[in-house]
Protein backbone atom coordinates (compact mmCIF):
# COMPACT_ATOMS: atom_id res chain seq x y z
CA MET A 1 31.46 72.34 -18.58
CA PRO A 2 29.55 75.42 -20.22
CA ALA A 3 28.77 74.79 -24.14
CA ASN A 4 30.83 76.78 -26.55
CA HIS A 5 28.03 77.15 -28.70
CA ASN A 6 24.98 79.37 -28.37
CA PHE A 7 22.29 77.08 -29.50
CA ARG A 8 18.77 78.02 -28.84
CA SER A 9 16.37 75.36 -27.81
CA GLU A 10 14.38 75.98 -31.33
CA GLN A 11 17.44 75.03 -33.09
CA LEU A 12 18.16 71.86 -30.77
CA LEU A 13 14.36 70.84 -31.29
CA THR A 14 15.12 70.62 -35.15
CA LEU A 15 17.09 67.65 -34.20
CA ILE A 16 13.93 65.59 -33.16
CA GLY A 17 13.03 63.04 -36.13
CA GLN A 18 16.48 63.00 -37.43
CA GLN A 19 18.42 59.72 -37.65
CA LEU A 20 21.96 58.83 -36.82
CA VAL A 21 24.19 55.81 -36.27
CA TYR A 22 25.29 55.65 -32.41
CA GLN A 23 27.14 52.87 -31.00
CA GLN A 24 26.90 50.98 -34.14
CA GLN A 25 22.98 51.29 -34.05
CA LEU A 26 20.61 53.11 -36.41
CA CYS A 27 18.70 55.48 -34.12
CA GLU A 28 16.04 58.31 -34.33
CA ILE A 29 16.08 61.18 -31.99
CA ILE A 30 12.81 61.20 -30.36
CA GLU A 31 13.15 63.88 -27.38
CA LEU A 32 15.28 66.64 -26.03
CA LEU A 33 15.90 66.58 -22.45
CA ASP A 34 16.48 69.80 -20.17
CA GLY A 35 19.98 68.86 -19.41
CA CYS A 36 20.91 69.13 -22.93
CA GLU A 37 20.60 65.44 -23.75
CA LEU A 38 18.89 63.76 -26.61
CA VAL A 39 16.91 60.60 -26.40
CA LEU A 40 17.53 58.20 -29.03
CA GLN A 41 15.31 55.21 -30.13
CA VAL A 42 16.97 52.30 -31.51
CA LEU A 43 15.37 51.41 -35.06
CA GLU A 44 16.80 48.02 -35.34
CA SER A 45 14.49 45.14 -34.22
CA LYS A 46 15.83 44.97 -30.59
CA SER A 47 13.49 45.61 -27.79
CA SER A 48 13.86 45.41 -24.05
CA ILE A 49 11.29 44.03 -21.40
CA GLN A 50 9.79 47.04 -19.46
CA ALA A 51 9.26 46.28 -15.78
CA ASN A 52 6.02 47.15 -13.84
CA GLN A 53 6.06 48.78 -10.50
CA TYR A 54 6.75 45.37 -8.89
CA GLY A 55 9.80 44.65 -11.02
CA GLU A 56 7.89 41.97 -13.01
CA GLY A 57 8.55 42.43 -16.90
CA HIS A 58 5.32 42.13 -19.21
CA ARG A 59 6.01 44.12 -22.20
CA ALA A 60 8.52 44.72 -24.85
CA VAL A 61 9.45 48.50 -25.61
CA PRO A 62 11.75 49.88 -28.01
CA VAL A 63 15.32 50.36 -26.71
CA THR A 64 16.32 54.11 -26.02
CA LEU A 65 19.46 55.68 -25.21
CA THR A 66 20.69 59.16 -24.10
CA LEU A 67 23.36 61.20 -25.88
CA SER A 68 24.61 64.39 -24.48
CA VAL A 69 24.42 67.26 -27.10
CA PHE A 70 27.89 68.50 -26.06
CA ASP A 71 31.05 66.68 -25.33
CA GLY A 72 33.30 67.46 -22.23
CA GLU A 73 34.89 70.30 -23.71
CA GLY A 74 31.66 71.95 -24.59
CA GLU A 75 31.70 71.38 -28.20
CA LEU A 76 28.90 69.75 -30.20
CA HIS A 77 29.15 65.96 -29.65
CA PRO A 78 31.10 64.23 -32.30
CA GLU A 79 28.39 61.62 -33.01
CA LEU A 80 26.09 64.51 -34.06
CA VAL A 81 29.08 66.04 -36.16
CA ILE A 82 29.58 62.51 -37.95
CA ALA A 83 25.93 62.04 -38.56
CA GLY A 84 25.96 65.56 -40.43
CA LEU A 85 23.30 67.15 -38.19
CA GLU A 86 25.54 70.15 -37.38
CA PRO A 87 24.36 72.21 -40.20
CA LEU A 88 20.78 71.94 -39.11
CA LEU A 89 21.93 73.81 -35.75
CA THR A 90 23.57 76.59 -37.57
CA LEU A 91 20.53 77.78 -39.77
CA LYS A 92 18.79 80.51 -38.54
């Protein structure tokens, strides 16, 4: 569904480095993907084991999650609104 907002990519990039609580975990936004999705890194001491090309786990890496910028109605995702990040997107 198309977004109801006309955010430019420069505005979305201002979210990188911001922190929010998502799925009851403190996260930091570390990347913006092309499909209007944010990559979140969990800041708590959890980690996951990253597998090599053979499927063998050898190193611990931070847990990452993806969060769509917009919900199914084309509105800014509620988690971003709750975190107070909406004003960052409306600044010109």
